[in-house]
């Protein structure tokens, strides 16, 4: 479930902020029940 996923991600990436959010009903319709996703946003290189 989502709480366990956030826990696991936090343990693997302890210095990173982990955000959790819900999806819209439209996305949920296509993704299906119990769907979860992980997105990664890479910082700009300076």
PDB file of N, CA and C in Angstrom:
ATOM      1  N   UNK A   1       0.831  -1.185   0.000  1.00  0.00           N
ATOM      2  CA  UNK A   1       0.000   0.000   0.000  1.00  0.00           C
ATOM      3  C   UNK A   1       0.871   1.243   0.000  1.00  0.00           C
ATOM      4  N   UNK A   2       0.276   2.400  -0.166  1.00  0.00           N
ATOM      5  CA  UNK A   2       1.023   3.646  -0.357  1.00  0.00           C
ATOM      6  C   UNK A   2       1.908   3.992   0.835  1.00  0.00           C
ATOM      7  N   UNK A   3       1.428   3.761   2.050  1.00  0.00           N
ATOM      8  CA  UNK A   3       2.248   4.066   3.232  1.00  0.00           C
ATOM      9  C   UNK A   3       3.530   3.242   3.241  1.00  0.00           C
ATOM     10  N   UNK A   4       3.431   1.986   2.889  1.00  0.00           N
ATOM     11  CA  UNK A   4       4.615   1.116   2.850  1.00  0.00           C
ATOM     12  C   UNK A   4       5.582   1.563   1.756  1.00  0.00           C
ATOM     13  N   UNK A   5       5.048   1.987   0.619  1.00  0.00           N
ATOM     14  CA  UNK A   5       5.898   2.466  -0.465  1.00  0.00           C
ATOM     15  C   UNK A   5       6.650   3.721  -0.041  1.00  0.00           C
ATOM     16  N   UNK A   6       5.968   4.659   0.592  1.00  0.00           N
ATOM     17  CA  UNK A   6       6.619   5.883   1.066  1.00  0.00           C
ATOM     18  C   UNK A   6       7.696   5.542   2.094  1.00  0.00           C
ATOM     19  N   UNK A   7       7.412   4.624   2.998  1.00  0.00           N
ATOM     20  CA  UNK A   7       8.399   4.176   3.989  1.00  0.00           C
ATOM     21  C   UNK A   7       9.637   3.613   3.314  1.00  0.00           C
ATOM     22  N   UNK A   8       9.418   2.758   2.348  1.00  0.00           N
ATOM     23  CA  UNK A   8      10.538   2.121   1.637  1.00  0.00           C
ATOM     24  C   UNK A   8      11.357   3.150   0.875  1.00  0.00           C
ATOM     25  N   UNK A   9      10.700   4.046   0.167  1.00  0.00           N
ATOM     26  CA  UNK A   9      11.415   5.082  -0.580  1.00  0.00           C
ATOM     27  C   UNK A   9      12.213   5.974   0.361  1.00  0.00           C
ATOM     28  N   UNK A  10      11.649   6.301   1.512  1.00  0.00           N
ATOM     29  CA  UNK A  10      12.346   7.132   2.498  1.00  0.00           C
ATOM     30  C   UNK A  10      13.587   6.431   3.037  1.00  0.00           C
ATOM     31  N   UNK A  11      13.526   5.118   3.183  1.00  0.00           N
ATOM     32  CA  UNK A  11      14.698   4.389   3.681  1.00  0.00           C
ATOM     33  C   UNK A  11      15.776   4.259   2.606  1.00  0.00           C
ATOM     34  N   UNK A  12      15.375   4.177   1.351  1.00  0.00           N
ATOM     35  CA  UNK A  12      16.342   4.069   0.258  1.00  0.00           C
ATOM     36  C   UNK A  12      16.946   5.432  -0.082  1.00  0.00           C
ATOM     37  N   UNK A  13      16.137   6.483   0.020  1.00  0.00           N
ATOM     38  CA  UNK A  13      16.576   7.846  -0.296  1.00  0.00           C
ATOM     39  C   UNK A  13      16.357   8.755   0.913  1.00  0.00           C
ATOM     40  N   UNK A  14      17.144   8.586   1.974  1.00  0.00           N
ATOM     41  CA  UNK A  14      16.878   9.300   3.229  1.00  0.00           C
ATOM     42  C   UNK A  14      17.011  10.827   3.152  1.00  0.00           C
ATOM     43  N   UNK A  15      17.777  11.335   2.204  1.00  0.00           N
ATOM     44  CA  UNK A  15      17.988  12.788   2.117  1.00  0.00           C
ATOM     45  C   UNK A  15      16.983  13.478   1.196  1.00  0.00           C
ATOM     46  N   UNK A  16      16.156  12.702   0.541  1.00  0.00           N
ATOM     47  CA  UNK A  16      15.204  13.265  -0.419  1.00  0.00           C
ATOM     48  C   UNK A  16      13.828  13.468   0.204  1.00  0.00           C
ATOM     49  N   UNK A  17      13.126  14.480  -0.287  1.00  0.00           N
ATOM     50  CA  UNK A  17      11.744  14.697   0.142  1.00  0.00           C
ATOM     51  C   UNK A  17      10.839  13.776  -0.662  1.00  0.00           C
ATOM     52  N   UNK A  18       9.956  13.111   0.028  1.00  0.00           N
ATOM     53  CA  UNK A  18       9.005  12.209  -0.621  1.00  0.00           C
ATOM     54  C   UNK A  18       7.621  12.842  -0.508  1.00  0.00           C
ATOM     55  N   UNK A  19       6.989  13.070  -1.640  1.00  0.00           N
ATOM     56  CA  UNK A  19       5.650  13.647  -1.665  1.00  0.00           C
ATOM     57  C   UNK A  19       4.647  12.555  -2.003  1.00  0.00           C
ATOM     58  N   UNK A  20       3.524  12.610  -1.353  1.00  0.00           N
ATOM     59  CA  UNK A  20       2.451  11.647  -1.621  1.00  0.00           C
ATOM     60  C   UNK A  20       1.196  12.433  -1.983  1.00  0.00           C
ATOM     61  N   UNK A  21       0.499  11.982  -2.994  1.00  0.00           N
ATOM     62  CA  UNK A  21      -0.689  12.693  -3.451  1.00  0.00           C
ATOM     63  C   UNK A  21      -1.703  11.696  -3.996  1.00  0.00           C
ATOM     64  N   UNK A  22      -2.914  12.158  -4.162  1.00  0.00           N
ATOM     65  CA  UNK A  22      -3.952  11.332  -4.779  1.00  0.00           C
ATOM     66  C   UNK A  22      -4.025  11.666  -6.266  1.00  0.00           C
ATOM     67  N   UNK A  23      -4.691  10.814  -7.021  1.00  0.00           N
ATOM     68  CA  UNK A  23      -4.880  11.068  -8.444  1.00  0.00           C
ATOM     69  C   UNK A  23      -6.336  11.440  -8.695  1.00  0.00           C
ATOM     70  N   UNK A  24      -6.573  12.013  -9.848  1.00  0.00           N
ATOM     71  CA  UNK A  24      -7.939  12.417 -10.189  1.00  0.00           C
ATOM     72  C   UNK A  24      -8.767  11.189 -10.556  1.00  0.00           C
ATOM     73  N   UNK A  25     -10.089  11.315 -10.492  1.00  0.00           N
ATOM     74  CA  UNK A  25     -10.954  10.199 -10.887  1.00  0.00           C
ATOM     75  C   UNK A  25     -10.723   9.749 -12.333  1.00  0.00           C
ATOM     76  N   UNK A  26     -10.396  10.680 -13.211  1.00  0.00           N
ATOM     77  CA  UNK A  26     -10.168  10.321 -14.619  1.00  0.00           C
ATOM     78  C   UNK A  26      -8.939   9.419 -14.738  1.00  0.00           C
ATOM     79  N   UNK A  27      -7.842   9.801 -14.092  1.00  0.00           N
ATOM     80  CA  UNK A  27      -6.627   8.975 -14.129  1.00  0.00           C
ATOM     81  C   UNK A  27      -6.895   7.643 -13.445  1.00  0.00           C
ATOM     82  N   UNK A  28      -7.599   7.663 -12.332  1.00  0.00           N
ATOM     83  CA  UNK A  28      -7.925   6.436 -11.610  1.00  0.00           C
ATOM     84  C   UNK A  28      -8.744   5.464 -12.438  1.00  0.00           C
ATOM     85  N   UNK A  29      -9.616   5.988 -13.284  1.00  0.00           N
ATOM     86  CA  UNK A  29     -10.428   5.140 -14.156  1.00  0.00           C
ATOM     87  C   UNK A  29      -9.542   4.350 -15.109  1.00  0.00           C
ATOM     88  N   UNK A  30      -8.534   5.003 -15.655  1.00  0.00           N
ATOM     89  CA  UNK A  30      -7.645   4.330 -16.605  1.00  0.00           C
ATOM     90  C   UNK A  30      -6.597   3.470 -15.910  1.00  0.00           C
ATOM     91  N   UNK A  31      -6.142   3.890 -14.734  1.00  0.00           N
ATOM     92  CA  UNK A  31      -5.096   3.144 -14.018  1.00  0.00           C
ATOM     93  C   UNK A  31      -5.659   1.899 -13.346  1.00  0.00           C
ATOM     94  N   UNK A  32      -6.867   1.990 -12.846  1.00  0.00           N
ATOM     95  CA  UNK A  32      -7.489   0.843 -12.193  1.00  0.00           C
ATOM     96  C   UNK A  32      -7.330   0.882 -10.686  1.00  0.00           C
ATOM     97  N   UNK A  33      -8.083   0.029  -9.991  1.00  0.00           N
ATOM     98  CA  UNK A  33      -8.060   0.004  -8.538  1.00  0.00           C
ATOM     99  C   UNK A  33      -6.691  -0.416  -8.001  1.00  0.00           C
ATOM    100  N   UNK A  34      -6.248   0.272  -6.967  1.00  0.00           N
ATOM    101  CA  UNK A  34      -4.983  -0.077  -6.316  1.00  0.00           C
ATOM    102  C   UNK A  34      -3.741   0.400  -7.040  1.00  0.00           C
ATOM    103  N   UNK A  35      -3.906   1.188  -8.093  1.00  0.00           N
ATOM    104  CA  UNK A  35      -2.746   1.650  -8.858  1.00  0.00           C
ATOM    105  C   UNK A  35      -1.903   2.621  -8.041  1.00  0.00           C
ATOM    106  N   UNK A  36      -0.599   2.509  -8.189  1.00  0.00           N
ATOM    107  CA  UNK A  36       0.347   3.445  -7.579  1.00  0.00           C
ATOM    108  C   UNK A  36       1.388   3.789  -8.628  1.00  0.00           C
ATOM    109  N   UNK A  37       1.982   4.955  -8.487  1.00  0.00           N
ATOM    110  CA  UNK A  37       3.020   5.379  -9.426  1.00  0.00           C
ATOM    111  C   UNK A  37       4.127   6.088  -8.660  1.00  0.00           C
ATOM    112  N   UNK A  38       5.304   6.062  -9.225  1.00  0.00           N
ATOM    113  CA  UNK A  38       6.445   6.786  -8.665  1.00  0.00           C
ATOM    114  C   UNK A  38       6.996   7.659  -9.777  1.00  0.00           C
ATOM    115  N   UNK A  39       7.194   8.939  -9.473  1.00  0.00           N
ATOM    116  CA  UNK A  39       7.793   9.873 -10.424  1.00  0.00           C
ATOM    117  C   UNK A  39       9.071  10.417  -9.822  1.00  0.00           C
ATOM    118  N   UNK A  40      10.031  10.686 -10.676  1.00  0.00           N
ATOM    119  CA  UNK A  40      11.306  11.239 -10.229  1.00  0.00           C
ATOM    120  C   UNK A  40      11.551  12.516 -11.009  1.00  0.00           C
ATOM    121  N   UNK A  41      11.882  13.573 -10.290  1.00  0.00           N
ATOM    122  CA  UNK A  41      12.191  14.846 -10.918  1.00  0.00           C
ATOM    123  C   UNK A  41      13.661  15.139 -10.666  1.00  0.00           C
ATOM    124  N   UNK A  42      14.441  15.144 -11.723  1.00  0.00           N
ATOM    125  CA  UNK A  42      15.876  15.371 -11.598  1.00  0.00           C
ATOM    126  C   UNK A  42      16.149  16.867 -11.498  1.00  0.00           C
ATOM    127  N   UNK A  43      17.030  17.242 -10.587  1.00  0.00           N
ATOM    128  CA  UNK A  43      17.396  18.646 -10.420  1.00  0.00           C
ATOM    129  C   UNK A  43      18.207  19.109 -11.628  1.00  0.00           C
ATOM    130  N   UNK A  44      18.117  20.406 -11.911  1.00  0.00           N
ATOM    131  CA  UNK A  44      18.902  20.961 -13.012  1.00  0.00           C
ATOM    132  C   UNK A  44      20.375  20.924 -12.657  1.00  0.00           C
ATOM    133  N   UNK A  45      21.184  20.602 -13.643  1.00  0.00           N
ATOM    134  CA  UNK A  45      22.634  20.610 -13.433  1.00  0.00           C
ATOM    135  C   UNK A  45      23.125  22.033 -13.595  1.00  0.00           C
ATOM    136  N   UNK A  46      23.978  22.440 -12.677  1.00  0.00           N
ATOM    137  CA  UNK A  46      24.502  23.824 -12.738  1.00  0.00           C
ATOM    138  C   UNK A  46      25.887  23.849 -13.288  1.00  0.00           C
TER     139      UNK A  46
END
